[in-house]
Amino acid sequence: MIKKLFPMPVHSAMLLGVWVFLNEFSFAHFVLGSFLAITIPWICAPMSDEHPGVKKPIKAFKYLLLVVWDIIVSNFEVAARILRSNKHLRPGFIALPLDIHEPFPLAVLASTISLTPGTVSVDFSDDRQWLYIHALHIDNEDDIINTIKSRYETPLKEIFQC
């Protein structure tokens, strides 16, 4: 019964919290926020896909810290590269072979790559065996592939147990 009324309880709580935070707290806003927090997840729940949950939250937190660190470092590296002449850049595409095949962990991997300055996830192959990446500068394609696999893909396999 409760699961039917609140199919996504965490989402409902977040919606209500954000609604009350963004609007002046009053009884009317609380009632309206509660209505939206119940109705929106109730409508959206049938459209959502099940995805693997985080099996190792401590590793997920470490992964988040690693990604934030890599974003900061990459910002400086990209800034240094673009301040130099364009003739020093060697942009190109890389085909990354994938060991992960679940949609949600793949989306996290692709987002991580795109969030890191200097690289953008372009597309997955139809069979989800390859991720195509555009890099601002490629010295050694194998080094980039090994770095992505060891820093991002391997931890994601552990976090999501896939």
N, C-alpha and C. Protein backbone atom coordinates (compact mmCIF):
# COMPACT_ATOMS: atom_id res chain seq x y z
N MET A 1 0.82 -1.20 0.00
CA MET A 1 0.00 0.00 0.00
C MET A 1 0.87 1.26 0.00
N ILE A 2 1.85 1.29 0.89
CA ILE A 2 2.73 2.46 0.98
C ILE A 2 3.53 2.61 -0.31
N LYS A 3 3.99 1.48 -0.88
CA LYS A 3 4.79 1.53 -2.12
C LYS A 3 3.97 2.07 -3.28
N LYS A 4 2.66 1.83 -3.29
CA LYS A 4 1.82 2.37 -4.35
C LYS A 4 1.63 3.88 -4.19
N LEU A 5 1.49 4.33 -2.96
CA LEU A 5 1.30 5.76 -2.71
C LEU A 5 2.61 6.52 -2.88
N PHE A 6 3.70 5.93 -2.40
CA PHE A 6 5.02 6.55 -2.50
C PHE A 6 5.97 5.62 -3.25
N PRO A 7 5.88 5.56 -4.58
CA PRO A 7 6.75 4.64 -5.33
C PRO A 7 8.22 5.04 -5.28
N MET A 8 8.49 6.32 -5.07
CA MET A 8 9.86 6.82 -5.00
C MET A 8 9.97 7.73 -3.77
N PRO A 9 10.05 7.17 -2.57
CA PRO A 9 9.99 8.00 -1.36
C PRO A 9 11.14 9.00 -1.25
N VAL A 10 12.33 8.62 -1.68
CA VAL A 10 13.46 9.55 -1.61
C VAL A 10 13.22 10.74 -2.55
N HIS A 11 12.74 10.44 -3.74
CA HIS A 11 12.44 11.52 -4.69
C HIS A 11 11.34 12.43 -4.15
N SER A 12 10.33 11.84 -3.53
CA SER A 12 9.24 12.63 -2.96
C SER A 12 9.77 13.57 -1.87
N ALA A 13 10.62 13.04 -1.01
CA ALA A 13 11.18 13.86 0.06
C ALA A 13 12.04 14.99 -0.51
N MET A 14 12.82 14.68 -1.54
CA MET A 14 13.66 15.71 -2.14
C MET A 14 12.81 16.78 -2.82
N LEU A 15 11.77 16.36 -3.54
CA LEU A 15 10.88 17.33 -4.19
C LEU A 15 10.24 18.26 -3.17
N LEU A 16 9.73 17.68 -2.09
CA LEU A 16 9.11 18.50 -1.05
C LEU A 16 10.13 19.44 -0.42
N GLY A 17 11.31 18.93 -0.12
CA GLY A 17 12.35 19.77 0.48
C GLY A 17 12.76 20.92 -0.42
N VAL A 18 12.95 20.64 -1.70
CA VAL A 18 13.35 21.70 -2.64
C VAL A 18 12.22 22.70 -2.80
N TRP A 19 10.97 22.22 -2.88
CA TRP A 19 9.82 23.12 -3.04
C TRP A 19 9.73 24.09 -1.85
N VAL A 20 9.83 23.55 -0.65
CA VAL A 20 9.73 24.39 0.55
C VAL A 20 10.92 25.33 0.63
N PHE A 21 12.10 24.86 0.23
CA PHE A 21 13.30 25.69 0.27
C PHE A 21 13.21 26.86 -0.72
N LEU A 22 12.69 26.60 -1.92
CA LEU A 22 12.64 27.63 -2.95
C LEU A 22 11.50 28.63 -2.75
N ASN A 23 10.49 28.25 -2.02
CA ASN A 23 9.36 29.13 -1.78
C ASN A 23 9.35 29.52 -0.31
N GLU A 24 8.72 30.63 -0.04
CA GLU A 24 8.59 31.01 1.36
C GLU A 24 7.79 29.95 2.08
N PHE A 25 8.26 29.56 3.25
CA PHE A 25 7.56 28.50 3.96
C PHE A 25 6.22 29.03 4.45
N SER A 26 5.19 28.35 4.02
CA SER A 26 3.84 28.63 4.51
C SER A 26 3.06 27.32 4.41
N PHE A 27 1.94 27.29 5.07
CA PHE A 27 1.14 26.08 5.05
C PHE A 27 0.68 25.74 3.63
N ALA A 28 0.30 26.76 2.88
CA ALA A 28 -0.17 26.55 1.50
C ALA A 28 0.94 25.96 0.63
N HIS A 29 2.15 26.50 0.75
CA HIS A 29 3.27 25.96 -0.03
C HIS A 29 3.63 24.54 0.40
N PHE A 30 3.50 24.26 1.68
CA PHE A 30 3.76 22.92 2.16
C PHE A 30 2.74 21.93 1.59
N VAL A 31 1.48 22.33 1.56
CA VAL A 31 0.43 21.46 1.01
C VAL A 31 0.65 21.26 -0.49
N LEU A 32 0.92 22.35 -1.22
CA LEU A 32 1.16 22.23 -2.65
C LEU A 32 2.41 21.39 -2.93
N GLY A 33 3.47 21.63 -2.18
CA GLY A 33 4.70 20.85 -2.33
C GLY A 33 4.46 19.38 -2.03
N SER A 34 3.66 19.07 -1.02
CA SER A 34 3.34 17.68 -0.70
C SER A 34 2.56 17.04 -1.83
N PHE A 35 1.60 17.77 -2.38
CA PHE A 35 0.83 17.26 -3.51
C PHE A 35 1.74 16.94 -4.69
N LEU A 36 2.65 17.85 -5.03
CA LEU A 36 3.57 17.64 -6.13
C LEU A 36 4.55 16.50 -5.83
N ALA A 37 5.01 16.42 -4.57
CA ALA A 37 5.97 15.39 -4.18
C ALA A 37 5.35 14.00 -4.22
N ILE A 38 4.05 13.91 -4.09
CA ILE A 38 3.39 12.61 -4.20
C ILE A 38 3.00 12.33 -5.65
N THR A 39 2.48 13.33 -6.34
CA THR A 39 1.94 13.14 -7.69
C THR A 39 3.02 12.91 -8.73
N ILE A 40 4.08 13.71 -8.74
CA ILE A 40 5.10 13.60 -9.79
C ILE A 40 5.77 12.22 -9.79
N PRO A 41 6.27 11.72 -8.66
CA PRO A 41 6.85 10.37 -8.68
C PRO A 41 5.82 9.29 -9.01
N TRP A 42 4.58 9.49 -8.59
CA TRP A 42 3.54 8.51 -8.86
C TRP A 42 3.29 8.40 -10.37
N ILE A 43 3.33 9.54 -11.07
CA ILE A 43 3.15 9.54 -12.52
C ILE A 43 4.41 9.00 -13.22
N CYS A 44 5.58 9.36 -12.73
CA CYS A 44 6.84 9.00 -13.39
C CYS A 44 7.31 7.57 -13.09
N ALA A 45 6.90 6.98 -12.00
CA ALA A 45 7.40 5.65 -11.61
C ALA A 45 7.20 4.58 -12.68
N PRO A 46 6.04 4.52 -13.33
CA PRO A 46 5.90 3.47 -14.36
C PRO A 46 6.83 3.66 -15.55
N MET A 47 7.32 4.87 -15.76
CA MET A 47 8.19 5.14 -16.91
C MET A 47 9.66 4.92 -16.61
N SER A 48 10.00 4.71 -15.34
CA SER A 48 11.41 4.57 -14.99
C SER A 48 11.86 3.12 -15.10
N ASP A 49 13.11 2.94 -15.47
CA ASP A 49 13.70 1.62 -15.57
C ASP A 49 14.42 1.29 -14.29
N GLU A 50 14.45 0.02 -13.97
CA GLU A 50 15.25 -0.42 -12.84
C GLU A 50 16.71 -0.38 -13.23
N HIS A 51 17.54 0.12 -12.38
CA HIS A 51 18.97 0.12 -12.64
C HIS A 51 19.68 -0.38 -11.40
N PRO A 52 20.87 -0.90 -11.58
CA PRO A 52 21.57 -1.43 -10.41
C PRO A 52 21.88 -0.33 -9.41
N GLY A 53 21.69 -0.64 -8.16
CA GLY A 53 21.98 0.33 -7.13
C GLY A 53 23.45 0.29 -6.75
N VAL A 54 23.84 1.26 -5.97
CA VAL A 54 25.21 1.32 -5.50
C VAL A 54 25.39 0.24 -4.45
N LYS A 55 26.28 -0.69 -4.72
CA LYS A 55 26.52 -1.81 -3.81
C LYS A 55 27.60 -1.48 -2.78
N LYS A 56 28.49 -0.55 -3.13
CA LYS A 56 29.58 -0.18 -2.24
C LYS A 56 29.62 1.34 -2.10
N PRO A 57 28.86 1.90 -1.15
CA PRO A 57 28.76 3.36 -1.03
C PRO A 57 30.08 4.05 -0.68
N ILE A 58 30.94 3.41 0.07
CA ILE A 58 32.22 4.04 0.41
C ILE A 58 33.08 4.18 -0.84
N LYS A 59 33.09 3.15 -1.68
CA LYS A 59 33.83 3.24 -2.95
C LYS A 59 33.20 4.29 -3.86
N ALA A 60 31.88 4.42 -3.80
CA ALA A 60 31.20 5.44 -4.61
C ALA A 60 31.61 6.83 -4.16
N PHE A 61 31.74 7.03 -2.85
CA PHE A 61 32.18 8.33 -2.34
C PHE A 61 33.62 8.61 -2.76
N LYS A 62 34.48 7.60 -2.68
CA LYS A 62 35.87 7.76 -3.13
C LYS A 62 35.92 8.07 -4.62
N TYR A 63 35.05 7.42 -5.39
CA TYR A 63 34.97 7.67 -6.83
C TYR A 63 34.57 9.12 -7.09
N LEU A 64 33.60 9.61 -6.34
CA LEU A 64 33.17 11.00 -6.48
C LEU A 64 34.31 11.95 -6.19
N LEU A 65 35.07 11.70 -5.14
CA LEU A 65 36.22 12.55 -4.82
C LEU A 65 37.28 12.48 -5.92
N LEU A 66 37.51 11.28 -6.46
CA LEU A 66 38.46 11.12 -7.56
C LEU A 66 38.03 11.93 -8.78
N VAL A 67 36.75 11.87 -9.11
CA VAL A 67 36.25 12.60 -10.28
C VAL A 67 36.37 14.10 -10.07
N VAL A 68 36.03 14.57 -8.88
CA VAL A 68 36.17 16.01 -8.60
C VAL A 68 37.63 16.43 -8.72
N TRP A 69 38.53 15.63 -8.18
CA TRP A 69 39.96 15.93 -8.29
C TRP A 69 40.40 15.96 -9.75
N ASP A 70 39.98 14.96 -10.53
CA ASP A 70 40.35 14.91 -11.95
C ASP A 70 39.79 16.10 -12.72
N ILE A 71 38.61 16.55 -12.36
CA ILE A 71 38.03 17.74 -13.02
C ILE A 71 38.88 18.96 -12.74
N ILE A 72 39.30 19.13 -11.49
CA ILE A 72 40.13 20.28 -11.12
C ILE A 72 41.47 20.24 -11.85
N VAL A 73 42.13 19.08 -11.82
CA VAL A 73 43.43 18.95 -12.48
C VAL A 73 43.29 19.15 -13.99
N SER A 74 42.27 18.56 -14.58
CA SER A 74 42.06 18.68 -16.02
C SER A 74 41.78 20.11 -16.45
N ASN A 75 41.11 20.87 -15.60
CA ASN A 75 40.87 22.28 -15.92
C ASN A 75 42.19 23.02 -16.12
N PHE A 76 43.13 22.78 -15.24
CA PHE A 76 44.44 23.43 -15.37
C PHE A 76 45.20 22.93 -16.59
N GLU A 77 45.13 21.62 -16.84
CA GLU A 77 45.82 21.07 -18.00
C GLU A 77 45.25 21.62 -19.31
N VAL A 78 43.93 21.69 -19.41
CA VAL A 78 43.30 22.23 -20.62
C VAL A 78 43.61 23.71 -20.77
N ALA A 79 43.57 24.44 -19.67
CA ALA A 79 43.89 25.88 -19.74
C ALA A 79 45.32 26.07 -20.24
N ALA A 80 46.24 25.27 -19.75
CA ALA A 80 47.64 25.39 -20.19
C ALA A 80 47.76 25.05 -21.67
N ARG A 81 47.01 24.07 -22.12
CA ARG A 81 47.07 23.68 -23.54
C ARG A 81 46.47 24.74 -24.46
N ILE A 82 45.37 25.33 -24.06
CA ILE A 82 44.74 26.30 -24.96
C ILE A 82 45.43 27.65 -24.95
N LEU A 83 46.21 27.92 -23.91
CA LEU A 83 46.97 29.16 -23.88
C LEU A 83 48.18 29.10 -24.81
N ARG A 84 48.59 27.88 -25.14
CA ARG A 84 49.66 27.71 -26.11
C ARG A 84 49.08 27.76 -27.51
N SER A 85 49.90 27.68 -28.48
CA SER A 85 49.47 27.69 -29.87
C SER A 85 48.67 26.44 -30.20
N ASN A 86 47.71 26.57 -31.12
CA ASN A 86 46.90 25.42 -31.54
C ASN A 86 47.71 24.35 -32.25
N LYS A 87 48.88 24.70 -32.74
CA LYS A 87 49.67 23.70 -33.45
C LYS A 87 50.20 22.61 -32.51
N HIS A 88 50.13 22.86 -31.20
CA HIS A 88 50.57 21.87 -30.22
C HIS A 88 49.47 20.86 -29.87
N LEU A 89 48.24 21.16 -30.29
CA LEU A 89 47.13 20.26 -29.99
C LEU A 89 47.05 19.13 -31.01
N ARG A 90 46.72 17.96 -30.53
CA ARG A 90 46.48 16.81 -31.40
C ARG A 90 45.14 16.18 -31.03
N PRO A 91 44.03 16.82 -31.43
CA PRO A 91 42.72 16.26 -31.10
C PRO A 91 42.45 15.01 -31.91
N GLY A 92 41.53 14.21 -31.41
CA GLY A 92 41.17 13.01 -32.14
C GLY A 92 40.12 12.19 -31.40
N PHE A 93 39.73 11.11 -32.03
CA PHE A 93 38.74 10.21 -31.47
C PHE A 93 39.41 8.93 -31.00
N ILE A 94 38.84 8.38 -29.93
CA ILE A 94 39.34 7.15 -29.34
C ILE A 94 38.17 6.19 -29.22
N ALA A 95 38.41 4.93 -29.55
CA ALA A 95 37.41 3.88 -29.33
C ALA A 95 37.82 3.12 -28.07
N LEU A 96 37.02 3.27 -27.03
CA LEU A 96 37.30 2.64 -25.74
C LEU A 96 36.54 1.32 -25.64
N PRO A 97 37.25 0.18 -25.55
CA PRO A 97 36.53 -1.09 -25.36
C PRO A 97 35.94 -1.15 -23.96
N LEU A 98 34.70 -1.61 -23.86
CA LEU A 98 33.98 -1.58 -22.59
C LEU A 98 33.87 -2.96 -21.95
N ASP A 99 34.03 -2.99 -20.63
CA ASP A 99 33.79 -4.19 -19.85
C ASP A 99 32.44 -4.10 -19.13
N ILE A 100 31.90 -2.89 -19.01
CA ILE A 100 30.58 -2.67 -18.40
C ILE A 100 29.56 -2.67 -19.53
N HIS A 101 28.39 -3.28 -19.28
CA HIS A 101 27.37 -3.31 -20.33
C HIS A 101 25.99 -2.90 -19.81
N GLU A 102 25.86 -2.64 -18.52
CA GLU A 102 24.59 -2.18 -17.95
C GLU A 102 24.38 -0.71 -18.30
N PRO A 103 23.16 -0.31 -18.65
CA PRO A 103 22.92 1.08 -19.09
C PRO A 103 23.29 2.15 -18.07
N PHE A 104 22.90 1.97 -16.79
CA PHE A 104 23.16 3.03 -15.82
C PHE A 104 24.65 3.23 -15.53
N PRO A 105 25.42 2.17 -15.25
CA PRO A 105 26.86 2.38 -15.06
C PRO A 105 27.54 2.94 -16.31
N LEU A 106 27.06 2.55 -17.50
CA LEU A 106 27.61 3.13 -18.73
C LEU A 106 27.32 4.63 -18.80
N ALA A 107 26.13 5.02 -18.37
CA ALA A 107 25.79 6.45 -18.37
C ALA A 107 26.68 7.21 -17.38
N VAL A 108 26.97 6.60 -16.24
CA VAL A 108 27.85 7.24 -15.25
C VAL A 108 29.26 7.37 -15.83
N LEU A 109 29.74 6.33 -16.50
CA LEU A 109 31.07 6.37 -17.11
C LEU A 109 31.13 7.46 -18.18
N ALA A 110 30.15 7.49 -19.07
CA ALA A 110 30.13 8.50 -20.14
C ALA A 110 30.03 9.91 -19.56
N SER A 111 29.25 10.08 -18.52
CA SER A 111 29.12 11.40 -17.89
C SER A 111 30.43 11.82 -17.23
N THR A 112 31.09 10.87 -16.59
CA THR A 112 32.37 11.17 -15.95
C THR A 112 33.38 11.64 -16.98
N ILE A 113 33.44 10.95 -18.11
CA ILE A 113 34.38 11.33 -19.17
C ILE A 113 34.05 12.71 -19.71
N SER A 114 32.76 12.98 -19.90
CA SER A 114 32.35 14.28 -20.44
C SER A 114 32.55 15.41 -19.44
N LEU A 115 32.43 15.11 -18.15
CA LEU A 115 32.63 16.14 -17.12
C LEU A 115 34.10 16.54 -16.99
N THR A 116 34.98 15.63 -17.32
CA THR A 116 36.40 15.91 -17.22
C THR A 116 36.83 16.75 -18.42
N PRO A 117 37.30 17.97 -18.20
CA PRO A 117 37.68 18.83 -19.32
C PRO A 117 38.73 18.18 -20.22
N GLY A 118 38.54 18.36 -21.52
CA GLY A 118 39.48 17.81 -22.49
C GLY A 118 38.98 16.55 -23.16
N THR A 119 37.92 15.95 -22.62
CA THR A 119 37.35 14.74 -23.21
C THR A 119 35.83 14.86 -23.25
N VAL A 120 35.24 14.26 -24.27
CA VAL A 120 33.79 14.24 -24.41
C VAL A 120 33.37 12.86 -24.90
N SER A 121 32.41 12.26 -24.24
CA SER A 121 31.84 11.00 -24.72
C SER A 121 30.96 11.32 -25.91
N VAL A 122 31.19 10.63 -27.00
CA VAL A 122 30.47 10.94 -28.23
C VAL A 122 29.30 9.98 -28.45
N ASP A 123 29.57 8.67 -28.39
CA ASP A 123 28.52 7.70 -28.70
C ASP A 123 28.96 6.31 -28.26
N PHE A 124 27.97 5.45 -28.05
CA PHE A 124 28.22 4.03 -27.80
C PHE A 124 27.99 3.28 -29.10
N SER A 125 28.70 2.19 -29.28
CA SER A 125 28.40 1.32 -30.42
C SER A 125 27.04 0.67 -30.15
N ASP A 126 26.41 0.17 -31.20
CA ASP A 126 25.07 -0.42 -31.06
C ASP A 126 25.05 -1.60 -30.10
N ASP A 127 26.14 -2.34 -30.04
CA ASP A 127 26.21 -3.51 -29.16
C ASP A 127 26.77 -3.18 -27.77
N ARG A 128 27.03 -1.93 -27.50
CA ARG A 128 27.57 -1.44 -26.22
C ARG A 128 28.92 -2.06 -25.87
N GLN A 129 29.70 -2.35 -26.88
CA GLN A 129 31.04 -2.89 -26.67
C GLN A 129 32.10 -1.80 -26.71
N TRP A 130 31.75 -0.64 -27.27
CA TRP A 130 32.70 0.45 -27.47
C TRP A 130 32.08 1.78 -27.08
N LEU A 131 32.89 2.65 -26.51
CA LEU A 131 32.49 4.04 -26.25
C LEU A 131 33.44 4.91 -27.05
N TYR A 132 32.88 5.77 -27.87
CA TYR A 132 33.70 6.65 -28.69
C TYR A 132 33.85 7.97 -27.96
N ILE A 133 35.09 8.41 -27.85
CA ILE A 133 35.45 9.59 -27.07
C ILE A 133 36.23 10.54 -27.96
N HIS A 134 35.94 11.83 -27.81
CA HIS A 134 36.77 12.84 -28.47
C HIS A 134 37.66 13.45 -27.40
N ALA A 135 38.95 13.51 -27.71
CA ALA A 135 39.91 14.09 -26.77
C ALA A 135 40.54 15.32 -27.41
N LEU A 136 40.77 16.33 -26.61
CA LEU A 136 41.38 17.57 -27.08
C LEU A 136 42.83 17.35 -27.51
N HIS A 137 43.52 16.46 -26.80
CA HIS A 137 44.92 16.20 -27.11
C HIS A 137 45.23 14.73 -26.85
N ILE A 138 45.79 14.07 -27.86
CA ILE A 138 46.14 12.65 -27.73
C ILE A 138 47.63 12.48 -28.01
N ASP A 139 48.38 12.17 -26.95
CA ASP A 139 49.79 11.80 -27.13
C ASP A 139 49.90 10.32 -27.44
N ASN A 140 49.23 9.52 -26.60
CA ASN A 140 49.27 8.07 -26.75
C ASN A 140 47.87 7.54 -26.45
N GLU A 141 47.23 6.99 -27.46
CA GLU A 141 45.85 6.50 -27.32
C GLU A 141 45.75 5.40 -26.27
N ASP A 142 46.72 4.50 -26.24
CA ASP A 142 46.68 3.40 -25.27
C ASP A 142 46.77 3.90 -23.84
N ASP A 143 47.55 4.95 -23.59
CA ASP A 143 47.64 5.52 -22.24
C ASP A 143 46.30 6.08 -21.80
N ILE A 144 45.61 6.75 -22.70
CA ILE A 144 44.31 7.33 -22.36
C ILE A 144 43.31 6.20 -22.07
N ILE A 145 43.31 5.17 -22.91
CA ILE A 145 42.39 4.04 -22.70
C ILE A 145 42.68 3.37 -21.36
N ASN A 146 43.96 3.10 -21.07
CA ASN A 146 44.31 2.45 -19.80
C ASN A 146 43.95 3.32 -18.60
N THR A 147 44.14 4.62 -18.73
CA THR A 147 43.80 5.53 -17.63
C THR A 147 42.30 5.52 -17.37
N ILE A 148 41.50 5.62 -18.42
CA ILE A 148 40.05 5.63 -18.24
C ILE A 148 39.57 4.31 -17.66
N LYS A 149 40.12 3.21 -18.14
CA LYS A 149 39.69 1.90 -17.65
C LYS A 149 40.07 1.71 -16.18
N SER A 150 41.27 2.13 -15.80
CA SER A 150 41.71 1.91 -14.42
C SER A 150 41.11 2.92 -13.44
N ARG A 151 40.99 4.18 -13.85
CA ARG A 151 40.50 5.22 -12.93
C ARG A 151 38.99 5.27 -12.84
N TYR A 152 38.29 4.94 -13.92
CA TYR A 152 36.84 5.11 -13.94
C TYR A 152 36.07 3.80 -14.11
N GLU A 153 36.41 3.01 -15.12
CA GLU A 153 35.59 1.83 -15.40
C GLU A 153 35.73 0.76 -14.32
N THR A 154 36.94 0.47 -13.89
CA THR A 154 37.13 -0.57 -12.88
C THR A 154 36.44 -0.22 -11.56
N PRO A 155 36.59 1.01 -11.05
CA PRO A 155 35.83 1.34 -9.83
C PRO A 155 34.31 1.25 -10.02
N LEU A 156 33.81 1.64 -11.21
CA LEU A 156 32.37 1.56 -11.45
C LEU A 156 31.90 0.11 -11.46
N LYS A 157 32.72 -0.79 -11.98
CA LYS A 157 32.37 -2.21 -11.94
C LYS A 157 32.24 -2.69 -10.50
N GLU A 158 33.13 -2.21 -9.63
CA GLU A 158 33.06 -2.60 -8.22
C GLU A 158 31.87 -1.95 -7.52
N ILE A 159 31.64 -0.67 -7.81
CA ILE A 159 30.55 0.07 -7.14
C ILE A 159 29.19 -0.54 -7.46
N PHE A 160 28.97 -0.87 -8.74
CA PHE A 160 27.68 -1.39 -9.17
C PHE A 160 27.64 -2.91 -9.27
N GLN A 161 28.77 -3.57 -8.98
CA GLN A 161 28.85 -5.03 -9.04
C GLN A 161 28.34 -5.57 -10.37
N CYS A 162 28.88 -5.01 -11.46
CA CYS A 162 28.44 -5.47 -12.78
C CYS A 162 29.63 -5.90 -13.62
